[in-house]
Amino acid sequence: MNRKSNKSYGARTDKSMKTILRVERVSLKGHNLAVDYLSEFNLTFNQFKVLEVLYHRGDLNISSITKLTMSTPGNITVVVKNLKRDEWITSIKDPSDSRASILSITQKGKDVMAELFPNHAKNLHKFFEVLSDEELDTLYVLLDKVYKAN
């Protein structure tokens, strides 16, 4: 049953609520596209995020990876443990802080990223094909403006 609410919180607030729902739905569609593709490589989305950061940025400590992947410390610990178990990454003690570890992507991890990343990029390109270059630039600028303001 599709029922429209009669309750309004004001035109601007109503539009804000509709907009955030639309952003969430588009984000979920993009996320699901990536998850489906990554499953072909037996990777979860969170494992991919860690591998992607290490692949493109180089060796990092867990704290940096947590921030860059927008993860939580508890979740990243499990992801890192599983990536180490599967030999996608390795870790060594941070020489400047014995409590921390530096993570590195292994050759196995580099090989899978080199194989999967070009098609992942193509999938994202295709996802946004509905937009012109100018529209995509505008969308990015507007989302960045909201992100930085809040």
Foldseek 3Di string as FASTA:
>chain_A
DDDDDPDDPDPVVVVVVVVVVVVVVLVVVLQVLVQVLCVVVVDGPLLVQLLVCCLPPNKDWLVVSCVSSVHDPVVSVVSVVVCVVVQQKDWDQDPVDNVIIIIHGDPVVNVVCVVRVVVSVVSVCVSCVVDDPVRVVVVVVVVVVVVVVD
